[in-house]
Each structure stands twice: as C-alpha cells, then as structure tokens.
C-alpha cells in the first residue's frame, strides 16, 4: 500500500472498492454526494489518486481502481475490519466507537501489528458487521 496516502485519499479508495463490490456506479458526482462535498473537492482527491496510479478514469466521470489501487483498498478494508474486531473483542469498545476509531488508523497501521491482531483474534472470518475478512498480507504462524 502506498505510504503516501492521506486520510481522505484512503477513505475514497476504500469507498470506491466497496461501491465496486456492491455493483454501484462509481462516478465523480456519486462520490461527491456520498462524502457530502462539492464535486470539485471530489475531483481534487481523484486527481491525486490517479497521479499515484491507484485509480483510472476510463470515461467521463467514471472511476475504476487499478491493480495497485485495488490491492491498497483491500488492505485498508482488511485492517479496518480487524481493528473493529480487536477494539470490540479485546478492548470492549461499543460498536459505534469501533468503526470511528478504526477509521482513524486503518490506512496507517503497520503489517506486523495487524498480523499480530489477526493471530490474537484467531484469523476471524467475519467482522463486527458480519462482512468477510479477507486476510490479505496477514502472516499465519
């Protein structure tokens, strides 16, 4: 995952991945509505992601992840889901707080820490919301 992502870029990358998973249209205007910002703000973030080789725009307003972008988004989502579980199961945080806290660090946390969390949690199959945890990059054993 590129270590040069800022918080907003990580959020956009994750949301684009989730929208693709749900077979939703991923377009500039849709993202602007989703993030409650002006389309110009969305365009700025998308330009930065494109410059980093994480997304491509195959048509007017349309957005797709590149291979690097998909890998980075999957890693962020994995980290987020593991953090949520850890915060709930090991720290006893309430559900609404687990997500809020995970969003703050899911794109920053190191591989060693996430791998240890996965190990301590027994490589869970699902997150606190019942969604699949794909253990990308987690070292087993």
N, C-alpha and C. Protein backbone atom coordinates (compact mmCIF):
# COMPACT_ATOMS: atom_id res chain seq x y z
N UNK A 1 0.85 -1.16 0.00
CA UNK A 1 0.00 0.00 0.00
C UNK A 1 0.90 1.23 0.00
N UNK A 2 0.56 2.20 -0.84
CA UNK A 2 1.38 3.41 -0.83
C UNK A 2 1.34 4.07 0.54
N UNK A 3 2.49 4.41 1.06
CA UNK A 3 2.55 5.02 2.38
C UNK A 3 2.29 6.52 2.30
N UNK A 4 1.97 6.98 1.12
CA UNK A 4 1.79 8.41 0.93
C UNK A 4 0.31 8.81 0.86
N UNK A 5 -0.56 7.93 1.28
CA UNK A 5 -1.99 8.27 1.29
C UNK A 5 -2.32 9.13 2.50
N UNK A 6 -3.15 10.15 2.27
CA UNK A 6 -3.67 10.88 3.42
C UNK A 6 -5.03 10.29 3.78
N UNK A 7 -5.60 10.80 4.86
CA UNK A 7 -6.85 10.25 5.37
C UNK A 7 -7.96 10.26 4.32
N UNK A 8 -8.16 11.37 3.65
CA UNK A 8 -9.26 11.47 2.67
C UNK A 8 -9.02 10.55 1.48
N UNK A 9 -7.80 10.44 1.01
CA UNK A 9 -7.50 9.55 -0.10
C UNK A 9 -7.80 8.10 0.28
N UNK A 10 -7.45 7.71 1.49
CA UNK A 10 -7.73 6.36 1.96
C UNK A 10 -9.23 6.11 2.02
N UNK A 11 -9.99 7.09 2.48
CA UNK A 11 -11.45 6.95 2.55
C UNK A 11 -12.05 6.78 1.16
N UNK A 12 -11.60 7.59 0.20
CA UNK A 12 -12.11 7.49 -1.16
C UNK A 12 -11.76 6.13 -1.77
N UNK A 13 -10.52 5.70 -1.60
CA UNK A 13 -10.08 4.42 -2.15
C UNK A 13 -10.93 3.28 -1.60
N UNK A 14 -11.15 3.28 -0.30
CA UNK A 14 -11.98 2.24 0.33
C UNK A 14 -13.41 2.29 -0.18
N UNK A 15 -13.96 3.48 -0.29
CA UNK A 15 -15.35 3.60 -0.74
C UNK A 15 -15.51 3.17 -2.20
N UNK A 16 -14.56 3.51 -3.04
CA UNK A 16 -14.61 3.08 -4.44
C UNK A 16 -14.62 1.55 -4.50
N UNK A 17 -13.76 0.91 -3.70
CA UNK A 17 -13.72 -0.55 -3.67
C UNK A 17 -15.07 -1.12 -3.23
N UNK A 18 -15.61 -0.57 -2.15
CA UNK A 18 -16.90 -1.06 -1.64
C UNK A 18 -18.02 -0.86 -2.66
N UNK A 19 -18.00 0.26 -3.36
CA UNK A 19 -19.02 0.52 -4.37
C UNK A 19 -18.91 -0.49 -5.52
N UNK A 20 -17.69 -0.81 -5.92
CA UNK A 20 -17.49 -1.84 -6.95
C UNK A 20 -18.02 -3.18 -6.46
N UNK A 21 -17.75 -3.51 -5.19
CA UNK A 21 -18.25 -4.76 -4.62
C UNK A 21 -19.78 -4.85 -4.68
N UNK A 22 -20.42 -3.72 -4.45
CA UNK A 22 -21.89 -3.68 -4.44
C UNK A 22 -22.47 -3.43 -5.83
N UNK A 23 -21.61 -3.38 -6.84
CA UNK A 23 -22.00 -3.15 -8.24
C UNK A 23 -22.72 -1.82 -8.40
N UNK A 24 -22.28 -0.84 -7.65
CA UNK A 24 -22.83 0.51 -7.76
C UNK A 24 -22.01 1.32 -8.75
N UNK A 25 -22.64 2.30 -9.33
CA UNK A 25 -21.93 3.20 -10.24
C UNK A 25 -20.93 4.01 -9.43
N UNK A 26 -19.70 4.05 -9.91
CA UNK A 26 -18.67 4.84 -9.26
C UNK A 26 -18.34 6.00 -10.20
N UNK A 27 -18.85 7.15 -9.85
CA UNK A 27 -18.65 8.35 -10.66
C UNK A 27 -18.39 9.53 -9.74
N UNK A 28 -17.80 10.55 -10.29
CA UNK A 28 -17.44 11.74 -9.53
C UNK A 28 -18.62 12.30 -8.74
N UNK A 29 -19.75 12.48 -9.39
CA UNK A 29 -20.93 13.04 -8.74
C UNK A 29 -21.45 12.17 -7.62
N UNK A 30 -21.44 10.87 -7.83
CA UNK A 30 -21.91 9.92 -6.81
C UNK A 30 -21.00 10.00 -5.58
N UNK A 31 -19.70 10.05 -5.81
CA UNK A 31 -18.75 10.15 -4.71
C UNK A 31 -18.91 11.47 -3.95
N UNK A 32 -19.14 12.55 -4.67
CA UNK A 32 -19.35 13.85 -4.02
C UNK A 32 -20.55 13.80 -3.08
N UNK A 33 -21.63 13.18 -3.54
CA UNK A 33 -22.83 13.04 -2.70
C UNK A 33 -22.51 12.14 -1.50
N UNK A 34 -21.83 11.03 -1.74
CA UNK A 34 -21.50 10.09 -0.67
C UNK A 34 -20.67 10.74 0.43
N UNK A 35 -19.71 11.60 0.03
CA UNK A 35 -18.84 12.25 1.01
C UNK A 35 -19.34 13.63 1.44
N UNK A 36 -20.48 14.02 0.90
CA UNK A 36 -21.10 15.31 1.26
C UNK A 36 -20.16 16.47 1.02
N UNK A 37 -19.56 16.48 -0.18
CA UNK A 37 -18.66 17.56 -0.58
C UNK A 37 -19.04 18.04 -1.97
N UNK A 38 -18.47 19.15 -2.37
CA UNK A 38 -18.71 19.66 -3.72
C UNK A 38 -17.98 18.76 -4.72
N UNK A 39 -18.52 18.62 -5.93
CA UNK A 39 -17.84 17.80 -6.95
C UNK A 39 -16.39 18.22 -7.18
N UNK A 40 -16.10 19.50 -7.09
CA UNK A 40 -14.71 19.96 -7.30
C UNK A 40 -13.77 19.37 -6.25
N UNK A 41 -14.25 19.21 -5.02
CA UNK A 41 -13.42 18.60 -3.97
C UNK A 41 -13.15 17.14 -4.28
N UNK A 42 -14.17 16.46 -4.78
CA UNK A 42 -14.00 15.06 -5.17
C UNK A 42 -13.01 14.93 -6.31
N UNK A 43 -13.12 15.80 -7.29
CA UNK A 43 -12.19 15.78 -8.43
C UNK A 43 -10.76 15.95 -7.96
N UNK A 44 -10.53 16.83 -6.99
CA UNK A 44 -9.17 17.03 -6.47
C UNK A 44 -8.61 15.74 -5.87
N UNK A 45 -9.41 15.06 -5.05
CA UNK A 45 -8.95 13.81 -4.44
C UNK A 45 -8.70 12.76 -5.52
N UNK A 46 -9.61 12.65 -6.48
CA UNK A 46 -9.46 11.66 -7.54
C UNK A 46 -8.22 11.93 -8.39
N UNK A 47 -7.90 13.18 -8.63
CA UNK A 47 -6.69 13.52 -9.39
C UNK A 47 -5.44 13.04 -8.64
N UNK A 48 -5.44 13.21 -7.33
CA UNK A 48 -4.29 12.76 -6.54
C UNK A 48 -4.17 11.23 -6.59
N UNK A 49 -5.30 10.54 -6.48
CA UNK A 49 -5.28 9.07 -6.55
C UNK A 49 -4.83 8.60 -7.93
N UNK A 50 -5.23 9.32 -8.96
CA UNK A 50 -4.83 8.95 -10.33
C UNK A 50 -3.32 9.18 -10.50
N UNK A 51 -2.82 10.29 -9.97
CA UNK A 51 -1.39 10.59 -10.07
C UNK A 51 -0.55 9.54 -9.34
N UNK A 52 -1.13 8.92 -8.33
CA UNK A 52 -0.43 7.87 -7.57
C UNK A 52 -0.62 6.49 -8.19
N UNK A 53 -1.35 6.44 -9.31
CA UNK A 53 -1.54 5.17 -10.02
C UNK A 53 -2.54 4.24 -9.36
N UNK A 54 -3.44 4.78 -8.53
CA UNK A 54 -4.38 3.93 -7.80
C UNK A 54 -5.75 3.84 -8.44
N UNK A 55 -6.10 4.81 -9.27
CA UNK A 55 -7.37 4.77 -10.00
C UNK A 55 -7.14 5.19 -11.43
N UNK A 56 -8.12 4.89 -12.27
CA UNK A 56 -8.13 5.34 -13.66
C UNK A 56 -9.54 5.85 -13.95
N UNK A 57 -9.63 6.70 -14.95
CA UNK A 57 -10.94 7.23 -15.35
C UNK A 57 -11.15 6.87 -16.82
N UNK A 58 -11.82 5.72 -17.07
CA UNK A 58 -11.99 5.24 -18.44
C UNK A 58 -13.00 6.04 -19.26
N UNK A 59 -13.84 6.82 -18.62
CA UNK A 59 -14.84 7.60 -19.33
C UNK A 59 -15.21 8.82 -18.52
N UNK A 60 -16.02 9.67 -19.07
CA UNK A 60 -16.40 10.90 -18.41
C UNK A 60 -17.00 10.63 -17.03
N UNK A 61 -16.30 11.03 -16.00
CA UNK A 61 -16.80 10.91 -14.64
C UNK A 61 -16.69 9.54 -14.02
N UNK A 62 -16.42 8.52 -14.80
CA UNK A 62 -16.34 7.14 -14.29
C UNK A 62 -14.98 6.91 -13.62
N UNK A 63 -14.98 6.05 -12.60
CA UNK A 63 -13.76 5.78 -11.84
C UNK A 63 -13.61 4.28 -11.65
N UNK A 64 -12.40 3.76 -11.89
CA UNK A 64 -12.10 2.36 -11.62
C UNK A 64 -10.77 2.28 -10.89
N UNK A 65 -10.61 1.24 -10.09
CA UNK A 65 -9.35 1.01 -9.39
C UNK A 65 -8.36 0.34 -10.32
N UNK A 66 -7.12 0.71 -10.21
CA UNK A 66 -6.05 -0.02 -10.91
C UNK A 66 -5.73 -1.25 -10.05
N UNK A 67 -4.85 -2.10 -10.52
CA UNK A 67 -4.43 -3.25 -9.71
C UNK A 67 -3.83 -2.80 -8.39
N UNK A 68 -2.97 -1.80 -8.43
CA UNK A 68 -2.37 -1.25 -7.21
C UNK A 68 -3.43 -0.65 -6.30
N UNK A 69 -4.39 0.04 -6.90
CA UNK A 69 -5.45 0.67 -6.13
C UNK A 69 -6.33 -0.37 -5.44
N UNK A 70 -6.64 -1.43 -6.15
CA UNK A 70 -7.46 -2.49 -5.56
C UNK A 70 -6.73 -3.16 -4.40
N UNK A 71 -5.44 -3.43 -4.59
CA UNK A 71 -4.65 -4.04 -3.52
C UNK A 71 -4.58 -3.13 -2.30
N UNK A 72 -4.38 -1.84 -2.51
CA UNK A 72 -4.32 -0.89 -1.40
C UNK A 72 -5.66 -0.79 -0.68
N UNK A 73 -6.75 -0.75 -1.45
CA UNK A 73 -8.09 -0.65 -0.85
C UNK A 73 -8.41 -1.91 -0.05
N UNK A 74 -8.08 -3.07 -0.59
CA UNK A 74 -8.34 -4.33 0.12
C UNK A 74 -7.58 -4.37 1.44
N UNK A 75 -6.38 -3.86 1.43
CA UNK A 75 -5.56 -3.86 2.65
C UNK A 75 -6.17 -2.91 3.69
N UNK A 76 -6.61 -1.75 3.27
CA UNK A 76 -7.24 -0.78 4.18
C UNK A 76 -8.50 -1.39 4.79
N UNK A 77 -9.32 -2.01 3.95
CA UNK A 77 -10.56 -2.61 4.42
C UNK A 77 -10.28 -3.76 5.38
N UNK A 78 -9.30 -4.59 5.04
CA UNK A 78 -8.89 -5.67 5.93
C UNK A 78 -8.48 -5.12 7.29
N UNK A 79 -7.61 -4.12 7.27
CA UNK A 79 -7.13 -3.52 8.51
C UNK A 79 -8.31 -2.96 9.32
N UNK A 80 -9.22 -2.30 8.64
CA UNK A 80 -10.38 -1.70 9.30
C UNK A 80 -11.21 -2.78 10.01
N UNK A 81 -11.47 -3.86 9.32
CA UNK A 81 -12.31 -4.91 9.89
C UNK A 81 -11.63 -5.60 11.06
N UNK A 82 -10.33 -5.82 10.95
CA UNK A 82 -9.58 -6.44 12.05
C UNK A 82 -9.54 -5.49 13.26
N UNK A 83 -9.30 -4.22 13.00
CA UNK A 83 -9.28 -3.24 14.08
C UNK A 83 -10.63 -3.18 14.80
N UNK A 84 -11.72 -3.16 14.04
CA UNK A 84 -13.04 -3.14 14.65
C UNK A 84 -13.23 -4.34 15.60
N UNK A 85 -12.86 -5.52 15.10
CA UNK A 85 -12.98 -6.72 15.93
C UNK A 85 -12.12 -6.63 17.18
N UNK A 86 -10.91 -6.19 17.01
CA UNK A 86 -9.99 -6.09 18.15
C UNK A 86 -10.51 -5.09 19.17
N UNK A 87 -10.96 -3.95 18.69
CA UNK A 87 -11.48 -2.93 19.59
C UNK A 87 -12.71 -3.43 20.36
N UNK A 88 -13.56 -4.19 19.68
CA UNK A 88 -14.75 -4.71 20.36
C UNK A 88 -14.41 -5.86 21.29
N UNK A 89 -13.72 -6.88 20.74
CA UNK A 89 -13.50 -8.11 21.49
C UNK A 89 -12.42 -8.00 22.57
N UNK A 90 -11.38 -7.24 22.31
CA UNK A 90 -10.27 -7.16 23.26
C UNK A 90 -10.32 -5.92 24.15
N UNK A 91 -10.90 -4.83 23.62
CA UNK A 91 -10.92 -3.59 24.39
C UNK A 91 -12.30 -3.25 24.92
N UNK A 92 -13.32 -3.98 24.46
CA UNK A 92 -14.66 -3.77 24.96
C UNK A 92 -15.33 -2.49 24.49
N UNK A 93 -14.87 -1.93 23.38
CA UNK A 93 -15.49 -0.70 22.88
C UNK A 93 -16.87 -1.00 22.28
N UNK A 94 -17.80 -0.06 22.41
CA UNK A 94 -19.12 -0.26 21.79
C UNK A 94 -19.01 -0.21 20.26
N UNK A 95 -19.99 -0.82 19.58
CA UNK A 95 -19.96 -0.96 18.12
C UNK A 95 -19.73 0.36 17.39
N UNK A 96 -20.45 1.41 17.74
CA UNK A 96 -20.30 2.68 17.02
C UNK A 96 -18.90 3.27 17.19
N UNK A 97 -18.30 3.02 18.31
CA UNK A 97 -16.95 3.54 18.57
C UNK A 97 -15.88 2.72 17.85
N UNK A 98 -16.12 1.42 17.67
CA UNK A 98 -15.12 0.59 16.99
C UNK A 98 -14.85 1.09 15.58
N UNK A 99 -15.90 1.42 14.86
CA UNK A 99 -15.76 1.89 13.48
C UNK A 99 -15.09 3.27 13.46
N UNK A 100 -15.53 4.14 14.33
CA UNK A 100 -14.98 5.50 14.38
C UNK A 100 -13.47 5.47 14.65
N UNK A 101 -13.07 4.64 15.57
CA UNK A 101 -11.65 4.55 15.90
C UNK A 101 -10.84 3.87 14.79
N UNK A 102 -11.41 2.83 14.20
CA UNK A 102 -10.72 2.13 13.11
C UNK A 102 -10.48 3.05 11.92
N UNK A 103 -11.45 3.92 11.63
CA UNK A 103 -11.31 4.86 10.52
C UNK A 103 -10.13 5.80 10.70
N UNK A 104 -9.75 6.03 11.92
CA UNK A 104 -8.66 6.97 12.19
C UNK A 104 -7.29 6.40 11.85
N UNK A 105 -7.17 5.05 11.88
CA UNK A 105 -5.82 4.47 11.73
C UNK A 105 -5.73 3.32 10.73
N UNK A 106 -6.84 2.89 10.12
CA UNK A 106 -6.81 1.68 9.28
C UNK A 106 -5.83 1.76 8.12
N UNK A 107 -5.55 2.93 7.61
CA UNK A 107 -4.63 3.08 6.48
C UNK A 107 -3.19 3.33 6.94
N UNK A 108 -3.00 3.53 8.24
CA UNK A 108 -1.67 3.85 8.79
C UNK A 108 -0.99 2.69 9.50
N UNK A 109 -1.79 1.78 10.05
CA UNK A 109 -1.25 0.75 10.94
C UNK A 109 -0.31 -0.20 10.18
N UNK A 110 0.72 -0.63 10.84
CA UNK A 110 1.73 -1.48 10.21
C UNK A 110 1.31 -2.94 10.08
N UNK A 111 1.95 -3.61 9.15
CA UNK A 111 1.64 -5.02 8.87
C UNK A 111 1.90 -5.93 10.06
N UNK A 112 2.97 -5.67 10.81
CA UNK A 112 3.31 -6.52 11.95
C UNK A 112 2.21 -6.45 13.00
N UNK A 113 1.71 -5.25 13.28
CA UNK A 113 0.67 -5.08 14.29
C UNK A 113 -0.62 -5.76 13.85
N UNK A 114 -1.01 -5.55 12.60
CA UNK A 114 -2.24 -6.18 12.09
C UNK A 114 -2.11 -7.69 12.09
N UNK A 115 -0.95 -8.20 11.70
CA UNK A 115 -0.74 -9.66 11.71
C UNK A 115 -0.89 -10.22 13.12
N UNK A 116 -0.35 -9.52 14.10
CA UNK A 116 -0.47 -9.99 15.49
C UNK A 116 -1.92 -9.93 15.96
N UNK A 117 -2.63 -8.87 15.56
CA UNK A 117 -4.05 -8.77 15.92
C UNK A 117 -4.84 -9.92 15.31
N UNK A 118 -4.56 -10.21 14.04
CA UNK A 118 -5.23 -11.34 13.36
C UNK A 118 -4.97 -12.63 14.12
N UNK A 119 -3.72 -12.82 14.50
CA UNK A 119 -3.34 -14.03 15.24
C UNK A 119 -4.08 -14.10 16.57
N UNK A 120 -4.09 -13.01 17.32
CA UNK A 120 -4.76 -12.98 18.63
C UNK A 120 -6.27 -13.21 18.50
N UNK A 121 -6.84 -12.79 17.37
CA UNK A 121 -8.28 -12.96 17.14
C UNK A 121 -8.61 -14.31 16.49
N UNK A 122 -7.57 -15.10 16.15
CA UNK A 122 -7.79 -16.40 15.53
C UNK A 122 -8.18 -16.30 14.07
N UNK A 123 -7.66 -15.30 13.37
CA UNK A 123 -7.93 -15.10 11.95
C UNK A 123 -9.45 -15.18 11.67
N UNK A 124 -10.19 -14.22 12.19
CA UNK A 124 -11.65 -14.26 12.07
C UNK A 124 -12.12 -14.23 10.62
N UNK A 125 -13.24 -14.89 10.37
CA UNK A 125 -13.82 -14.94 9.02
C UNK A 125 -14.68 -13.73 8.72
N UNK A 126 -15.27 -13.13 9.78
CA UNK A 126 -16.18 -12.01 9.58
C UNK A 126 -15.89 -10.90 10.57
N UNK A 127 -16.22 -9.68 10.15
CA UNK A 127 -16.03 -8.51 11.01
C UNK A 127 -17.23 -8.32 11.92
N UNK A 128 -17.24 -7.24 12.67
CA UNK A 128 -18.33 -6.98 13.61
C UNK A 128 -19.68 -6.77 12.91
N UNK A 129 -19.64 -6.45 11.62
CA UNK A 129 -20.87 -6.24 10.85
C UNK A 129 -21.27 -7.48 10.05
N UNK A 130 -20.51 -8.57 10.22
CA UNK A 130 -20.81 -9.80 9.50
C UNK A 130 -20.20 -9.89 8.12
N UNK A 131 -19.39 -8.90 7.74
CA UNK A 131 -18.75 -8.91 6.42
C UNK A 131 -17.47 -9.74 6.46
N UNK A 132 -17.13 -10.31 5.31
CA UNK A 132 -15.96 -11.18 5.23
C UNK A 132 -14.67 -10.41 5.50
N UNK A 133 -13.79 -11.04 6.25
CA UNK A 133 -12.44 -10.52 6.47
C UNK A 133 -11.51 -11.34 5.58
N UNK A 134 -11.03 -10.73 4.51
CA UNK A 134 -10.07 -11.38 3.62
C UNK A 134 -8.69 -11.07 4.15
N UNK A 135 -8.00 -12.08 4.64
CA UNK A 135 -6.72 -11.87 5.30
C UNK A 135 -5.60 -11.66 4.30
N UNK A 136 -5.60 -10.48 3.70
CA UNK A 136 -4.54 -10.10 2.76
C UNK A 136 -3.34 -9.60 3.55
N UNK A 137 -2.21 -10.17 3.28
CA UNK A 137 -0.99 -9.72 3.91
C UNK A 137 -0.76 -10.20 5.32
N UNK A 138 -1.70 -10.91 5.92
CA UNK A 138 -1.51 -11.43 7.27
C UNK A 138 -0.66 -12.68 7.20
N UNK A 139 0.37 -12.69 8.03
CA UNK A 139 1.23 -13.88 8.07
C UNK A 139 0.67 -14.84 9.10
N UNK A 140 0.35 -16.03 8.66
CA UNK A 140 -0.13 -17.06 9.60
C UNK A 140 1.05 -17.85 10.11
N UNK A 141 0.99 -18.14 11.41
CA UNK A 141 2.01 -18.99 12.01
C UNK A 141 3.23 -18.33 12.43
